[in-house]
Amino acid sequence: MSLALASRRRFDELSEQEILALAISSEEDDARIYRSYAGRLQQDYPGTAAVFSGMAAEEDTHRQQLIALHQARFGEVIPLIRREHVAGYYARRPVWLAANLPLETVRAEVAGMEQQAADFYARAAARSTDAATRKLLGDLAAAEAGHGVTAEGLQNTHLPQGVKGEEDATARRQFILTWVQPGLAGLMDGSVSTLAPIFATAFATQDTWTTFLVGLAASVGAGISMGFTEAAHDDGVLSGRGSPWKRGISSGVMTTLGGLGHALPYLIPDFWLATSIAIAVVFVELWAIAWIQNRYMETPFLRAALQVVLGGALVFAAGVLIGGG
């Protein structure tokens, strides 16, 4: 890594030909990124995919203009120089890392790409003392800034308000199916199902450390079980619920957190203080579940609260009665 960093060229060390070659390779990379986004979004968000395809075509046009300029000034052989060869040059997120970004994040990523390129060329032009280089960099800055105008026009063509609203609704629905729904199921399972063993142990032993260990084991075990069950029982292809690994992670993590919430207070040595805090945490957890159901699942709040709080209270009472008996 240090050798790679040490071998990078400084931008002010590049010749005009190398700067032009760098611009050409950057345009090629950006066009490829836009087409990758368009391909991934085509099925669910065709309007946004059309915008990105149009931007890729615009990058191709700029690349051809840059190549024609290079041929006129420097000949047919274009030096091989890319972003990673230049210290301080703006980087791009690898496409495979961005493959699962939500729709709004992808749109923001693309807007940032254009602004980043325009700002870089503008700053480079301002620092240059060579007239020809300054003109070249200024032209590149203007070209990149023009991409934003093109993108706005493409968005107006392919993403009228109704289409954008539909795509945003689809993105929200996918977020709920992939993250919120399995996470909510996990939080409910972790918060409610661990009540009985934790409070039964607490009132049976009145030993806070033992209670904590039982709560930790129950929470982690339930999290692992829920996570693998969610990931294994539905691959998301037919149901449209998204990646099974994402759903599994959401369900498993939230299940574990739901149980740990009222297990962690038993790290406090004083039994009654720990129990009082644990009960308060349970109250917060149950109302949080009701709020999430109302916010994302459109369940009326009072009905959600009644279902969750009543169910939690019954499980809590069972644990206390079993442990106290």
C-alpha atoms as a PDB file:
ATOM      1  CA  MET A   1       0.000   0.000   0.000  1.00  0.00           C
ATOM      2  CA  SER A   2       2.760   2.450   0.920  1.00  0.00           C
ATOM      3  CA  LEU A   3       4.621   1.607  -2.310  1.00  0.00           C
ATOM      4  CA  ALA A   4       1.489   2.300  -4.350  1.00  0.00           C
ATOM      5  CA  LEU A   5       0.985   5.641  -2.612  1.00  0.00           C
ATOM      6  CA  ALA A   6       4.621   6.584  -3.077  1.00  0.00           C
ATOM      7  CA  SER A   7       4.452   5.831  -6.822  1.00  0.00           C
ATOM      8  CA  ARG A   8       1.532   8.181  -7.455  1.00  0.00           C
ATOM      9  CA  ARG A   9       2.149  11.269  -9.518  1.00  0.00           C
ATOM     10  CA  ARG A  10       1.269  14.717  -8.262  1.00  0.00           C
ATOM     11  CA  PHE A  11      -1.279  16.501 -10.401  1.00  0.00           C
ATOM     12  CA  ASP A  12       0.989  19.511 -10.949  1.00  0.00           C
ATOM     13  CA  GLU A  13       3.629  17.143 -12.348  1.00  0.00           C
ATOM     14  CA  LEU A  14       1.396  15.984 -15.206  1.00  0.00           C
ATOM     15  CA  SER A  15       1.865  17.300 -18.702  1.00  0.00           C
ATOM     16  CA  GLU A  16      -1.037  18.661 -20.721  1.00  0.00           C
ATOM     17  CA  GLN A  17      -1.128  15.398 -22.680  1.00  0.00           C
ATOM     18  CA  GLU A  18      -1.319  13.383 -19.466  1.00  0.00           C
ATOM     19  CA  ILE A  19      -4.083  15.634 -18.101  1.00  0.00           C
ATOM     20  CA  LEU A  20      -6.051  15.068 -21.279  1.00  0.00           C
ATOM     21  CA  ALA A  21      -5.460  11.308 -21.063  1.00  0.00           C
ATOM     22  CA  LEU A  22      -6.607  11.358 -17.438  1.00  0.00           C
ATOM     23  CA  ALA A  23      -9.800  13.162 -18.456  1.00  0.00           C
ATOM     24  CA  ILE A  24     -10.454  10.576 -21.184  1.00  0.00           C
ATOM     25  CA  SER A  25     -10.067   7.618 -18.806  1.00  0.00           C
ATOM     26  CA  SER A  26     -12.251   9.368 -16.207  1.00  0.00           C
ATOM     27  CA  GLU A  27     -15.022   9.875 -18.749  1.00  0.00           C
ATOM     28  CA  GLU A  28     -14.811   6.182 -19.689  1.00  0.00           C
ATOM     29  CA  ASP A  29     -15.086   5.132 -16.023  1.00  0.00           C
ATOM     30  CA  ASP A  30     -18.030   7.420 -15.327  1.00  0.00           C
ATOM     31  CA  ALA A  31     -19.935   6.203 -18.390  1.00  0.00           C
ATOM     32  CA  ARG A  32     -19.392   2.631 -17.243  1.00  0.00           C
ATOM     33  CA  ILE A  33     -20.646   3.458 -13.739  1.00  0.00           C
ATOM     34  CA  TYR A  34     -23.786   5.127 -15.103  1.00  0.00           C
ATOM     35  CA  ARG A  35     -24.552   2.134 -17.300  1.00  0.00           C
ATOM     36  CA  SER A  36     -24.078  -0.206 -14.335  1.00  0.00           C
ATOM     37  CA  TYR A  37     -26.554   1.829 -12.301  1.00  0.00           C
ATOM     38  CA  ALA A  38     -28.993   1.900 -15.221  1.00  0.00           C
ATOM     39  CA  GLY A  39     -28.799  -1.869 -15.653  1.00  0.00           C
ATOM     40  CA  ARG A  40     -29.420  -2.505 -11.971  1.00  0.00           C
ATOM     41  CA  LEU A  41     -32.346  -0.078 -11.739  1.00  0.00           C
ATOM     42  CA  GLN A  42     -34.032  -0.875 -15.045  1.00  0.00           C
ATOM     43  CA  GLN A  43     -36.569  -3.356 -13.707  1.00  0.00           C
ATOM     44  CA  ASP A  44     -37.808  -1.432 -10.656  1.00  0.00           C
ATOM     45  CA  TYR A  45     -37.004   2.189 -11.570  1.00  0.00           C
ATOM     46  CA  PRO A  46     -37.090   2.535 -15.371  1.00  0.00           C
ATOM     47  CA  GLY A  47     -37.338   6.343 -15.265  1.00  0.00           C
ATOM     48  CA  THR A  48     -34.152   6.745 -13.235  1.00  0.00           C
ATOM     49  CA  ALA A  49     -32.446   4.060 -15.368  1.00  0.00           C
ATOM     50  CA  ALA A  50     -33.261   6.101 -18.493  1.00  0.00           C
ATOM     51  CA  VAL A  51     -31.696   9.189 -16.881  1.00  0.00           C
ATOM     52  CA  PHE A  52     -28.477   7.313 -16.116  1.00  0.00           C
ATOM     53  CA  SER A  53     -28.357   5.789 -19.617  1.00  0.00           C
ATOM     54  CA  GLY A  54     -28.658   9.296 -21.078  1.00  0.00           C
ATOM     55  CA  MET A  55     -25.862  10.543 -18.827  1.00  0.00           C
ATOM     56  CA  ALA A  56     -23.674   7.644 -19.945  1.00  0.00           C
ATOM     57  CA  ALA A  57     -24.281   8.630 -23.568  1.00  0.00           C
ATOM     58  CA  GLU A  58     -23.345  12.217 -22.688  1.00  0.00           C
ATOM     59  CA  GLU A  59     -20.084  10.993 -21.124  1.00  0.00           C
ATOM     60  CA  ASP A  60     -19.377   9.076 -24.339  1.00  0.00           C
ATOM     61  CA  THR A  61     -19.810  12.294 -26.330  1.00  0.00           C
ATOM     62  CA  HIS A  62     -17.383  14.178 -24.092  1.00  0.00           C
ATOM     63  CA  ARG A  63     -14.903  11.315 -24.277  1.00  0.00           C
ATOM     64  CA  GLN A  64     -15.033  11.426 -28.090  1.00  0.00           C
ATOM     65  CA  GLN A  65     -14.464  15.183 -28.031  1.00  0.00           C
ATOM     66  CA  LEU A  66     -11.484  14.755 -25.716  1.00  0.00           C
ATOM     67  CA  ILE A  67     -10.025  12.006 -27.900  1.00  0.00           C
ATOM     68  CA  ALA A  68     -10.412  14.221 -30.986  1.00  0.00           C
ATOM     69  CA  LEU A  69      -8.609  17.032 -29.151  1.00  0.00           C
ATOM     70  CA  HIS A  70      -5.816  14.644 -28.126  1.00  0.00           C
ATOM     71  CA  GLN A  71      -5.433  13.413 -31.711  1.00  0.00           C
ATOM     72  CA  ALA A  72      -5.188  16.976 -32.982  1.00  0.00           C
ATOM     73  CA  ARG A  73      -2.622  18.080 -30.403  1.00  0.00           C
ATOM     74  CA  PHE A  74      -0.628  14.985 -29.469  1.00  0.00           C
ATOM     75  CA  GLY A  75      -1.335  12.206 -31.972  1.00  0.00           C
ATOM     76  CA  GLU A  76      -2.931   8.786 -31.813  1.00  0.00           C
ATOM     77  CA  VAL A  77      -1.192   7.250 -28.771  1.00  0.00           C
ATOM     78  CA  ILE A  78      -2.995   8.131 -25.533  1.00  0.00           C
ATOM     79  CA  PRO A  79      -0.915   7.639 -22.348  1.00  0.00           C
ATOM     80  CA  LEU A  80      -2.303   5.087 -19.890  1.00  0.00           C
ATOM     81  CA  ILE A  81      -3.108   7.109 -16.794  1.00  0.00           C
ATOM     82  CA  ARG A  82      -6.050   6.665 -14.460  1.00  0.00           C
ATOM     83  CA  ARG A  83      -7.424   8.165 -11.259  1.00  0.00           C
ATOM     84  CA  GLU A  84      -5.484   5.822  -9.007  1.00  0.00           C
ATOM     85  CA  HIS A  85      -2.205   6.957 -10.590  1.00  0.00           C
ATOM     86  CA  VAL A  86      -2.618  10.575  -9.434  1.00  0.00           C
ATOM     87  CA  ALA A  87      -2.297  11.697  -5.828  1.00  0.00           C
ATOM     88  CA  GLY A  88      -5.271  13.720  -4.594  1.00  0.00           C
ATOM     89  CA  TYR A  89      -7.432  13.011  -7.640  1.00  0.00           C
ATOM     90  CA  TYR A  90     -11.114  12.422  -6.831  1.00  0.00           C
ATOM     91  CA  ALA A  91     -12.005   8.776  -6.366  1.00  0.00           C
ATOM     92  CA  ARG A  92     -15.086   6.836  -7.321  1.00  0.00           C
ATOM     93  CA  ARG A  93     -16.872   4.291  -5.152  1.00  0.00           C
ATOM     94  CA  PRO A  94     -16.348   0.812  -6.676  1.00  0.00           C
ATOM     95  CA  VAL A  95     -19.510  -0.218  -8.513  1.00  0.00           C
ATOM     96  CA  TRP A  96     -19.704  -3.515  -6.615  1.00  0.00           C
ATOM     97  CA  LEU A  97     -19.785  -1.593  -3.313  1.00  0.00           C
ATOM     98  CA  ALA A  98     -22.577   0.633  -4.581  1.00  0.00           C
ATOM     99  CA  ALA A  99     -24.607  -2.221  -6.054  1.00  0.00           C
ATOM    100  CA  ASN A 100     -27.061  -2.375  -3.172  1.00  0.00           C
ATOM    101  CA  LEU A 101     -27.423   1.316  -2.374  1.00  0.00           C
ATOM    102  CA  PRO A 102     -30.999   2.610  -2.015  1.00  0.00           C
ATOM    103  CA  LEU A 103     -32.440   4.688  -4.847  1.00  0.00           C
ATOM    104  CA  GLU A 104     -32.038   8.122  -3.251  1.00  0.00           C
ATOM    105  CA  THR A 105     -28.428   7.328  -2.328  1.00  0.00           C
ATOM    106  CA  VAL A 106     -27.665   6.338  -5.923  1.00  0.00           C
ATOM    107  CA  ARG A 107     -29.163   9.600  -7.190  1.00  0.00           C
ATOM    108  CA  ALA A 108     -27.101  11.567  -4.661  1.00  0.00           C
ATOM    109  CA  GLU A 109     -24.005   9.568  -5.598  1.00  0.00           C
ATOM    110  CA  VAL A 110     -24.414  10.489  -9.272  1.00  0.00           C
ATOM    111  CA  ALA A 111     -24.966  14.165  -8.476  1.00  0.00           C
ATOM    112  CA  GLY A 112     -21.840  14.102  -6.329  1.00  0.00           C
ATOM    113  CA  MET A 113     -19.838  12.503  -9.135  1.00  0.00           C
ATOM    114  CA  GLU A 114     -20.635  15.359 -11.508  1.00  0.00           C
ATOM    115  CA  GLN A 115     -20.035  18.087  -8.943  1.00  0.00           C
ATOM    116  CA  GLN A 116     -16.794  16.482  -7.796  1.00  0.00           C
ATOM    117  CA  ALA A 117     -15.395  16.369 -11.307  1.00  0.00           C
ATOM    118  CA  ALA A 118     -16.405  19.966 -12.064  1.00  0.00           C
ATOM    119  CA  ASP A 119     -14.925  21.276  -8.785  1.00  0.00           C
ATOM    120  CA  PHE A 120     -11.672  19.407  -9.296  1.00  0.00           C
ATOM    121  CA  TYR A 121     -11.072  20.777 -12.780  1.00  0.00           C
ATOM    122  CA  ALA A 122     -12.035  24.284 -11.687  1.00  0.00           C
ATOM    123  CA  ARG A 123      -9.579  24.223  -8.771  1.00  0.00           C
ATOM    124  CA  ALA A 124      -6.871  22.749 -10.971  1.00  0.00           C
ATOM    125  CA  ALA A 125      -7.398  25.480 -13.556  1.00  0.00           C
ATOM    126  CA  ALA A 126      -7.205  28.188 -10.885  1.00  0.00           C
ATOM    127  CA  ARG A 127      -3.848  26.856  -9.672  1.00  0.00           C
ATOM    128  CA  SER A 128      -2.293  26.542 -13.114  1.00  0.00           C
ATOM    129  CA  THR A 129       0.142  29.233 -14.322  1.00  0.00           C
ATOM    130  CA  ASP A 130       0.507  27.878 -17.855  1.00  0.00           C
ATOM    131  CA  ALA A 131      -1.991  29.556 -20.201  1.00  0.00           C
ATOM    132  CA  ALA A 132      -2.608  26.502 -22.382  1.00  0.00           C
ATOM    133  CA  THR A 133      -3.028  24.203 -19.396  1.00  0.00           C
ATOM    134  CA  ARG A 134      -5.298  26.712 -17.684  1.00  0.00           C
ATOM    135  CA  LYS A 135      -7.503  26.875 -20.777  1.00  0.00           C
ATOM    136  CA  LEU A 136      -7.613  23.094 -21.071  1.00  0.00           C
ATOM    137  CA  LEU A 137      -8.592  22.638 -17.425  1.00  0.00           C
ATOM    138  CA  GLY A 138     -11.170  25.408 -17.675  1.00  0.00           C
ATOM    139  CA  ASP A 139     -12.736  23.704 -20.683  1.00  0.00           C
ATOM    140  CA  LEU A 140     -12.902  20.429 -18.757  1.00  0.00           C
ATOM    141  CA  ALA A 141     -14.505  22.158 -15.774  1.00  0.00           C
ATOM    142  CA  ALA A 142     -17.123  23.711 -18.049  1.00  0.00           C
ATOM    143  CA  ALA A 143     -17.809  20.344 -19.678  1.00  0.00           C
ATOM    144  CA  GLU A 144     -18.309  18.630 -16.312  1.00  0.00           C
ATOM    145  CA  ALA A 145     -20.534  21.457 -15.054  1.00  0.00           C
ATOM    146  CA  GLY A 146     -22.572  21.077 -18.236  1.00  0.00           C
ATOM    147  CA  HIS A 147     -23.289  17.483 -17.272  1.00  0.00           C
ATOM    148  CA  GLY A 148     -25.459  18.782 -14.447  1.00  0.00           C
ATOM    149  CA  VAL A 149     -27.575  20.757 -16.922  1.00  0.00           C
ATOM    150  CA  THR A 150     -27.869  17.673 -19.106  1.00  0.00           C
ATOM    151  CA  ALA A 151     -28.834  15.529 -16.122  1.00  0.00           C
ATOM    152  CA  GLU A 152     -31.543  18.009 -15.134  1.00  0.00           C
ATOM    153  CA  GLY A 153     -32.957  17.955 -18.663  1.00  0.00           C
ATOM    154  CA  LEU A 154     -32.917  14.161 -18.755  1.00  0.00           C
ATOM    155  CA  GLN A 155     -34.618  14.014 -15.374  1.00  0.00           C
ATOM    156  CA  ASN A 156     -37.375  16.343 -16.550  1.00  0.00           C
ATOM    157  CA  THR A 157     -37.856  14.105 -19.605  1.00  0.00           C
ATOM    158  CA  HIS A 158     -37.745  10.699 -17.954  1.00  0.00           C
ATOM    159  CA  LEU A 159     -38.743  11.529 -14.385  1.00  0.00           C
ATOM    160  CA  PRO A 160     -41.846  13.727 -14.328  1.00  0.00           C
ATOM    161  CA  GLN A 161     -43.253  14.198 -10.846  1.00  0.00           C
ATOM    162  CA  GLY A 162     -45.663  11.285 -11.086  1.00  0.00           C
ATOM    163  CA  VAL A 163     -42.979   8.823 -12.197  1.00  0.00           C
ATOM    164  CA  LYS A 164     -40.539  10.007  -9.539  1.00  0.00           C
ATOM    165  CA  GLY A 165     -43.248   9.668  -6.908  1.00  0.00           C
ATOM    166  CA  GLU A 166     -43.951   6.105  -8.019  1.00  0.00           C
ATOM    167  CA  GLU A 167     -40.253   5.216  -7.931  1.00  0.00           C
ATOM    168  CA  ASP A 168     -39.829   6.758  -4.486  1.00  0.00           C
ATOM    169  CA  ALA A 169     -42.830   4.770  -3.250  1.00  0.00           C
ATOM    170  CA  THR A 170     -41.330   1.588  -4.708  1.00  0.00           C
ATOM    171  CA  ALA A 171     -38.000   2.323  -3.007  1.00  0.00           C
ATOM    172  CA  ARG A 172     -39.732   2.913   0.336  1.00  0.00           C
ATOM    173  CA  ARG A 173     -41.733  -0.297  -0.025  1.00  0.00           C
ATOM    174  CA  GLN A 174     -38.546  -2.239  -0.793  1.00  0.00           C
ATOM    175  CA  PHE A 175     -36.827  -0.707   2.259  1.00  0.00           C
ATOM    176  CA  ILE A 176     -39.719  -1.802   4.455  1.00  0.00           C
ATOM    177  CA  LEU A 177     -39.761  -5.344   3.034  1.00  0.00           C
ATOM    178  CA  THR A 178     -35.994  -5.822   3.231  1.00  0.00           C
ATOM    179  CA  TRP A 179     -35.078  -4.031   6.461  1.00  0.00           C
ATOM    180  CA  VAL A 180     -38.047  -2.841   8.520  1.00  0.00           C
ATOM    181  CA  GLN A 181     -40.310  -5.886   8.397  1.00  0.00           C
ATOM    182  CA  PRO A 182     -37.695  -8.513   9.371  1.00  0.00           C
ATOM    183  CA  GLY A 183     -36.113  -6.093  11.846  1.00  0.00           C
ATOM    184  CA  LEU A 184     -39.481  -5.460  13.483  1.00  0.00           C
ATOM    185  CA  ALA A 185     -40.193  -9.193  13.687  1.00  0.00           C
ATOM    186  CA  GLY A 186     -36.794  -9.680  15.293  1.00  0.00           C
ATOM    187  CA  LEU A 187     -37.279  -6.848  17.777  1.00  0.00           C
ATOM    188  CA  MET A 188     -40.676  -8.244  18.790  1.00  0.00           C
ATOM    189  CA  ASP A 189     -39.287 -11.745  19.181  1.00  0.00           C
ATOM    190  CA  GLY A 190     -36.230 -10.608  21.107  1.00  0.00           C
ATOM    191  CA  SER A 191     -38.113  -8.221  23.359  1.00  0.00           C
ATOM    192  CA  VAL A 192     -41.090 -10.439  24.147  1.00  0.00           C
ATOM    193  CA  SER A 193     -39.832 -14.027  23.979  1.00  0.00           C
ATOM    194  CA  THR A 194     -36.900 -13.380  26.334  1.00  0.00           C
ATOM    195  CA  LEU A 195     -39.068 -11.733  28.991  1.00  0.00           C
ATOM    196  CA  ALA A 196     -40.150 -15.007  30.566  1.00  0.00           C
ATOM    197  CA  PRO A 197     -36.721 -16.683  30.904  1.00  0.00           C
ATOM    198  CA  ILE A 198     -34.967 -13.515  32.068  1.00  0.00           C
ATOM    199  CA  PHE A 199     -37.507 -12.494  34.727  1.00  0.00           C
ATOM    200  CA  ALA A 200     -38.166 -16.086  35.769  1.00  0.00           C
ATOM    201  CA  THR A 201     -34.446 -16.466  36.424  1.00  0.00           C
ATOM    202  CA  ALA A 202     -34.309 -13.097  38.159  1.00  0.00           C
ATOM    203  CA  PHE A 203     -37.090 -13.825  40.646  1.00  0.00           C
ATOM    204  CA  ALA A 204     -36.077 -17.471  41.122  1.00  0.00           C
ATOM    205  CA  THR A 205     -32.442 -16.723  41.967  1.00  0.00           C
ATOM    206  CA  GLN A 206     -32.321 -12.976  42.757  1.00  0.00           C
ATOM    207  CA  ASP A 207     -28.759 -13.284  41.447  1.00  0.00           C
ATOM    208  CA  THR A 208     -28.062 -10.489  38.968  1.00  0.00           C
ATOM    209  CA  TRP A 209     -25.027 -12.128  37.327  1.00  0.00           C
ATOM    210  CA  THR A 210     -26.857 -15.395  36.713  1.00  0.00           C
ATOM    211  CA  THR A 211     -29.811 -13.463  35.320  1.00  0.00           C
ATOM    212  CA  PHE A 212     -27.530 -11.526  32.998  1.00  0.00           C
ATOM    213  CA  LEU A 213     -25.906 -14.724  31.692  1.00  0.00           C
ATOM    214  CA  VAL A 214     -29.299 -16.300  31.030  1.00  0.00           C
ATOM    215  CA  GLY A 215     -30.467 -13.125  29.279  1.00  0.00           C
ATOM    216  CA  LEU A 216     -27.284 -12.931  27.198  1.00  0.00           C
ATOM    217  CA  ALA A 217     -27.568 -16.571  26.145  1.00  0.00           C
ATOM    218  CA  ALA A 218     -31.267 -16.239  25.322  1.00  0.00           C
ATOM    219  CA  SER A 219     -30.726 -13.036  23.323  1.00  0.00           C
ATOM    220  CA  VAL A 220     -27.751 -14.237  21.294  1.00  0.00           C
ATOM    221  CA  GLY A 221     -29.307 -17.656  20.694  1.00  0.00           C
ATOM    222  CA  ALA A 222     -32.590 -16.126  19.571  1.00  0.00           C
ATOM    223  CA  GLY A 223     -30.744 -13.658  17.318  1.00  0.00           C
ATOM    224  CA  ILE A 224     -28.777 -16.410  15.591  1.00  0.00           C
ATOM    225  CA  SER A 225     -31.898 -18.542  15.173  1.00  0.00           C
ATOM    226  CA  MET A 226     -34.045 -15.694  13.819  1.00  0.00           C
ATOM    227  CA  GLY A 227     -31.299 -14.467  11.498  1.00  0.00           C
ATOM    228  CA  PHE A 228     -30.674 -17.839   9.884  1.00  0.00           C
ATOM    229  CA  THR A 229     -34.383 -18.631   9.686  1.00  0.00           C
ATOM    230  CA  GLU A 230     -35.133 -15.342   7.908  1.00  0.00           C
ATOM    231  CA  ALA A 231     -32.239 -15.780   5.479  1.00  0.00           C
ATOM    232  CA  ALA A 232     -32.974 -19.419   4.716  1.00  0.00           C
ATOM    233  CA  HIS A 233     -36.747 -19.577   4.343  1.00  0.00           C
ATOM    234  CA  ASP A 234     -37.110 -17.000   1.525  1.00  0.00           C
ATOM    235  CA  ASP A 235     -34.524 -16.131  -1.121  1.00  0.00           C
ATOM    236  CA  GLY A 236     -36.533 -13.035  -2.075  1.00  0.00           C
ATOM    237  CA  VAL A 237     -36.794 -13.926  -5.768  1.00  0.00           C
ATOM    238  CA  LEU A 238     -40.509 -14.649  -5.870  1.00  0.00           C
ATOM    239  CA  SER A 239     -41.597 -12.608  -2.856  1.00  0.00           C
ATOM    240  CA  GLY A 240     -39.640  -9.511  -3.892  1.00  0.00           C
ATOM    241  CA  ARG A 241     -38.487  -8.995  -0.293  1.00  0.00           C
ATOM    242  CA  GLY A 242     -34.886  -8.387  -1.266  1.00  0.00           C
ATOM    243  CA  SER A 243     -31.579  -9.965  -0.291  1.00  0.00           C
ATOM    244  CA  PRO A 244     -31.959 -12.831   2.217  1.00  0.00           C
ATOM    245  CA  TRP A 245     -28.683 -11.843   3.874  1.00  0.00           C
ATOM    246  CA  LYS A 246     -29.875  -8.295   4.469  1.00  0.00           C
ATOM    247  CA  ARG A 247     -33.115  -9.570   5.945  1.00  0.00           C
ATOM    248  CA  GLY A 248     -31.257 -12.113   8.036  1.00  0.00           C
ATOM    249  CA  ILE A 249     -28.880  -9.497   9.411  1.00  0.00           C
ATOM    250  CA  SER A 250     -31.747  -7.130  10.197  1.00  0.00           C
ATOM    251  CA  SER A 251     -33.779  -9.814  11.939  1.00  0.00           C
ATOM    252  CA  GLY A 252     -30.850 -11.335  13.831  1.00  0.00           C
ATOM    253  CA  VAL A 253     -29.383  -8.062  15.070  1.00  0.00           C
ATOM    254  CA  MET A 254     -32.722  -6.635  16.186  1.00  0.00           C
ATOM    255  CA  THR A 255     -33.660  -9.886  17.945  1.00  0.00           C
ATOM    256  CA  THR A 256     -30.422  -9.815  19.899  1.00  0.00           C
ATOM    257  CA  LEU A 257     -30.806  -6.133  20.784  1.00  0.00           C
ATOM    258  CA  GLY A 258     -34.404  -6.691  21.862  1.00  0.00           C
ATOM    259  CA  GLY A 259     -33.323  -9.293  24.397  1.00  0.00           C
ATOM    260  CA  LEU A 260     -30.177  -7.521  25.556  1.00  0.00           C
ATOM    261  CA  GLY A 261     -32.144  -4.364  26.338  1.00  0.00           C
ATOM    262  CA  HIS A 262     -33.594  -5.844  29.524  1.00  0.00           C
ATOM    263  CA  ALA A 263     -30.697  -8.227  30.210  1.00  0.00           C
ATOM    264  CA  LEU A 264     -27.967  -5.577  30.464  1.00  0.00           C
ATOM    265  CA  PRO A 265     -29.435  -3.889  33.577  1.00  0.00           C
ATOM    266  CA  TYR A 266     -28.589  -7.063  35.501  1.00  0.00           C
ATOM    267  CA  LEU A 267     -24.937  -6.131  35.291  1.00  0.00           C
ATOM    268  CA  ILE A 268     -25.872  -3.884  38.223  1.00  0.00           C
ATOM    269  CA  PRO A 269     -25.241  -5.868  41.454  1.00  0.00           C
ATOM    270  CA  ASP A 270     -28.282  -4.504  43.294  1.00  0.00           C
ATOM    271  CA  PHE A 271     -31.159  -6.839  42.374  1.00  0.00           C
ATOM    272  CA  TRP A 272     -34.104  -4.483  42.859  1.00  0.00           C
ATOM    273  CA  LEU A 273     -32.388  -1.561  41.164  1.00  0.00           C
ATOM    274  CA  ALA A 274     -31.458  -3.775  38.195  1.00  0.00           C
ATOM    275  CA  THR A 275     -35.002  -5.171  38.024  1.00  0.00           C
ATOM    276  CA  SER A 276     -36.572  -1.725  38.152  1.00  0.00           C
ATOM    277  CA  ILE A 277     -34.376  -0.520  35.278  1.00  0.00           C
ATOM    278  CA  ALA A 278     -35.075  -3.716  33.304  1.00  0.00           C
ATOM    279  CA  ILE A 279     -38.827  -3.221  33.664  1.00  0.00           C
ATOM    280  CA  ALA A 280     -38.489   0.396  32.501  1.00  0.00           C
ATOM    281  CA  VAL A 281     -36.477  -0.792  29.488  1.00  0.00           C
ATOM    282  CA  VAL A 282     -39.172  -3.341  28.651  1.00  0.00           C
ATOM    283  CA  PHE A 283     -41.758  -0.559  28.705  1.00  0.00           C
ATOM    284  CA  VAL A 284     -39.668   1.527  26.273  1.00  0.00           C
ATOM    285  CA  GLU A 285     -39.079  -1.480  23.989  1.00  0.00           C
ATOM    286  CA  LEU A 286     -42.757  -2.329  23.732  1.00  0.00           C
ATOM    287  CA  TRP A 287     -43.780   1.234  22.948  1.00  0.00           C
ATOM    288  CA  ALA A 288     -40.955   1.461  20.364  1.00  0.00           C
ATOM    289  CA  ILE A 289     -42.361  -1.629  18.653  1.00  0.00           C
ATOM    290  CA  ALA A 290     -45.825  -0.065  18.605  1.00  0.00           C
ATOM    291  CA  TRP A 291     -44.387   3.154  17.123  1.00  0.00           C
ATOM    292  CA  ILE A 292     -42.528   1.271  14.366  1.00  0.00           C
ATOM    293  CA  GLN A 293     -45.671  -0.667  13.494  1.00  0.00           C
ATOM    294  CA  ASN A 294     -47.595   2.584  13.232  1.00  0.00           C
ATOM    295  CA  ARG A 295     -44.859   4.445  11.349  1.00  0.00           C
ATOM    296  CA  TYR A 296     -43.899   1.848   8.740  1.00  0.00           C
ATOM    297  CA  MET A 297     -46.591  -0.840   8.751  1.00  0.00           C
ATOM    298  CA  GLU A 298     -49.487   1.648   8.981  1.00  0.00           C
ATOM    299  CA  THR A 299     -51.011  -0.157  11.963  1.00  0.00           C
ATOM    300  CA  PRO A 300     -53.203   2.163  14.042  1.00  0.00           C
ATOM    301  CA  PHE A 301     -51.132   3.177  17.041  1.00  0.00           C
ATOM    302  CA  LEU A 302     -53.652   2.265  19.726  1.00  0.00           C
ATOM    303  CA  ARG A 303     -54.225  -1.154  18.221  1.00  0.00           C
ATOM    304  CA  ALA A 304     -50.488  -1.778  17.883  1.00  0.00           C
ATOM    305  CA  ALA A 305     -49.892  -0.601  21.455  1.00  0.00           C
ATOM    306  CA  LEU A 306     -52.670  -2.800  22.801  1.00  0.00           C
ATOM    307  CA  GLN A 307     -51.387  -5.878  20.985  1.00  0.00           C
ATOM    308  CA  VAL A 308     -47.742  -5.402  21.901  1.00  0.00           C
ATOM    309  CA  VAL A 309     -48.125  -4.141  25.453  1.00  0.00           C
ATOM    310  CA  LEU A 310     -50.778  -6.717  26.329  1.00  0.00           C
ATOM    311  CA  GLY A 311     -48.730  -9.555  24.867  1.00  0.00           C
ATOM    312  CA  GLY A 312     -45.564  -8.351  26.574  1.00  0.00           C
ATOM    313  CA  ALA A 313     -47.357  -7.930  29.887  1.00  0.00           C
ATOM    314  CA  LEU A 314     -48.680 -11.495  29.745  1.00  0.00           C
ATOM    315  CA  VAL A 315     -45.229 -12.936  28.983  1.00  0.00           C
ATOM    316  CA  PHE A 316     -43.671 -10.769  31.715  1.00  0.00           C
ATOM    317  CA  ALA A 317     -46.288 -11.916  34.224  1.00  0.00           C
ATOM    318  CA  ALA A 318     -45.679 -15.549  33.284  1.00  0.00           C
ATOM    319  CA  GLY A 319     -41.968 -15.150  33.915  1.00  0.00           C
ATOM    320  CA  VAL A 320     -42.497 -13.476  37.281  1.00  0.00           C
ATOM    321  CA  LEU A 321     -45.035 -16.086  38.406  1.00  0.00           C
ATOM    322  CA  ILE A 322     -42.849 -18.980  37.315  1.00  0.00           C
ATOM    323  CA  GLY A 323     -39.744 -17.513  38.936  1.00  0.00           C
ATOM    324  CA  GLY A 324     -41.525 -16.383  42.081  1.00  0.00           C
ATOM    325  CA  GLY A 325     -43.229 -19.735  42.533  1.00  0.00           C
END
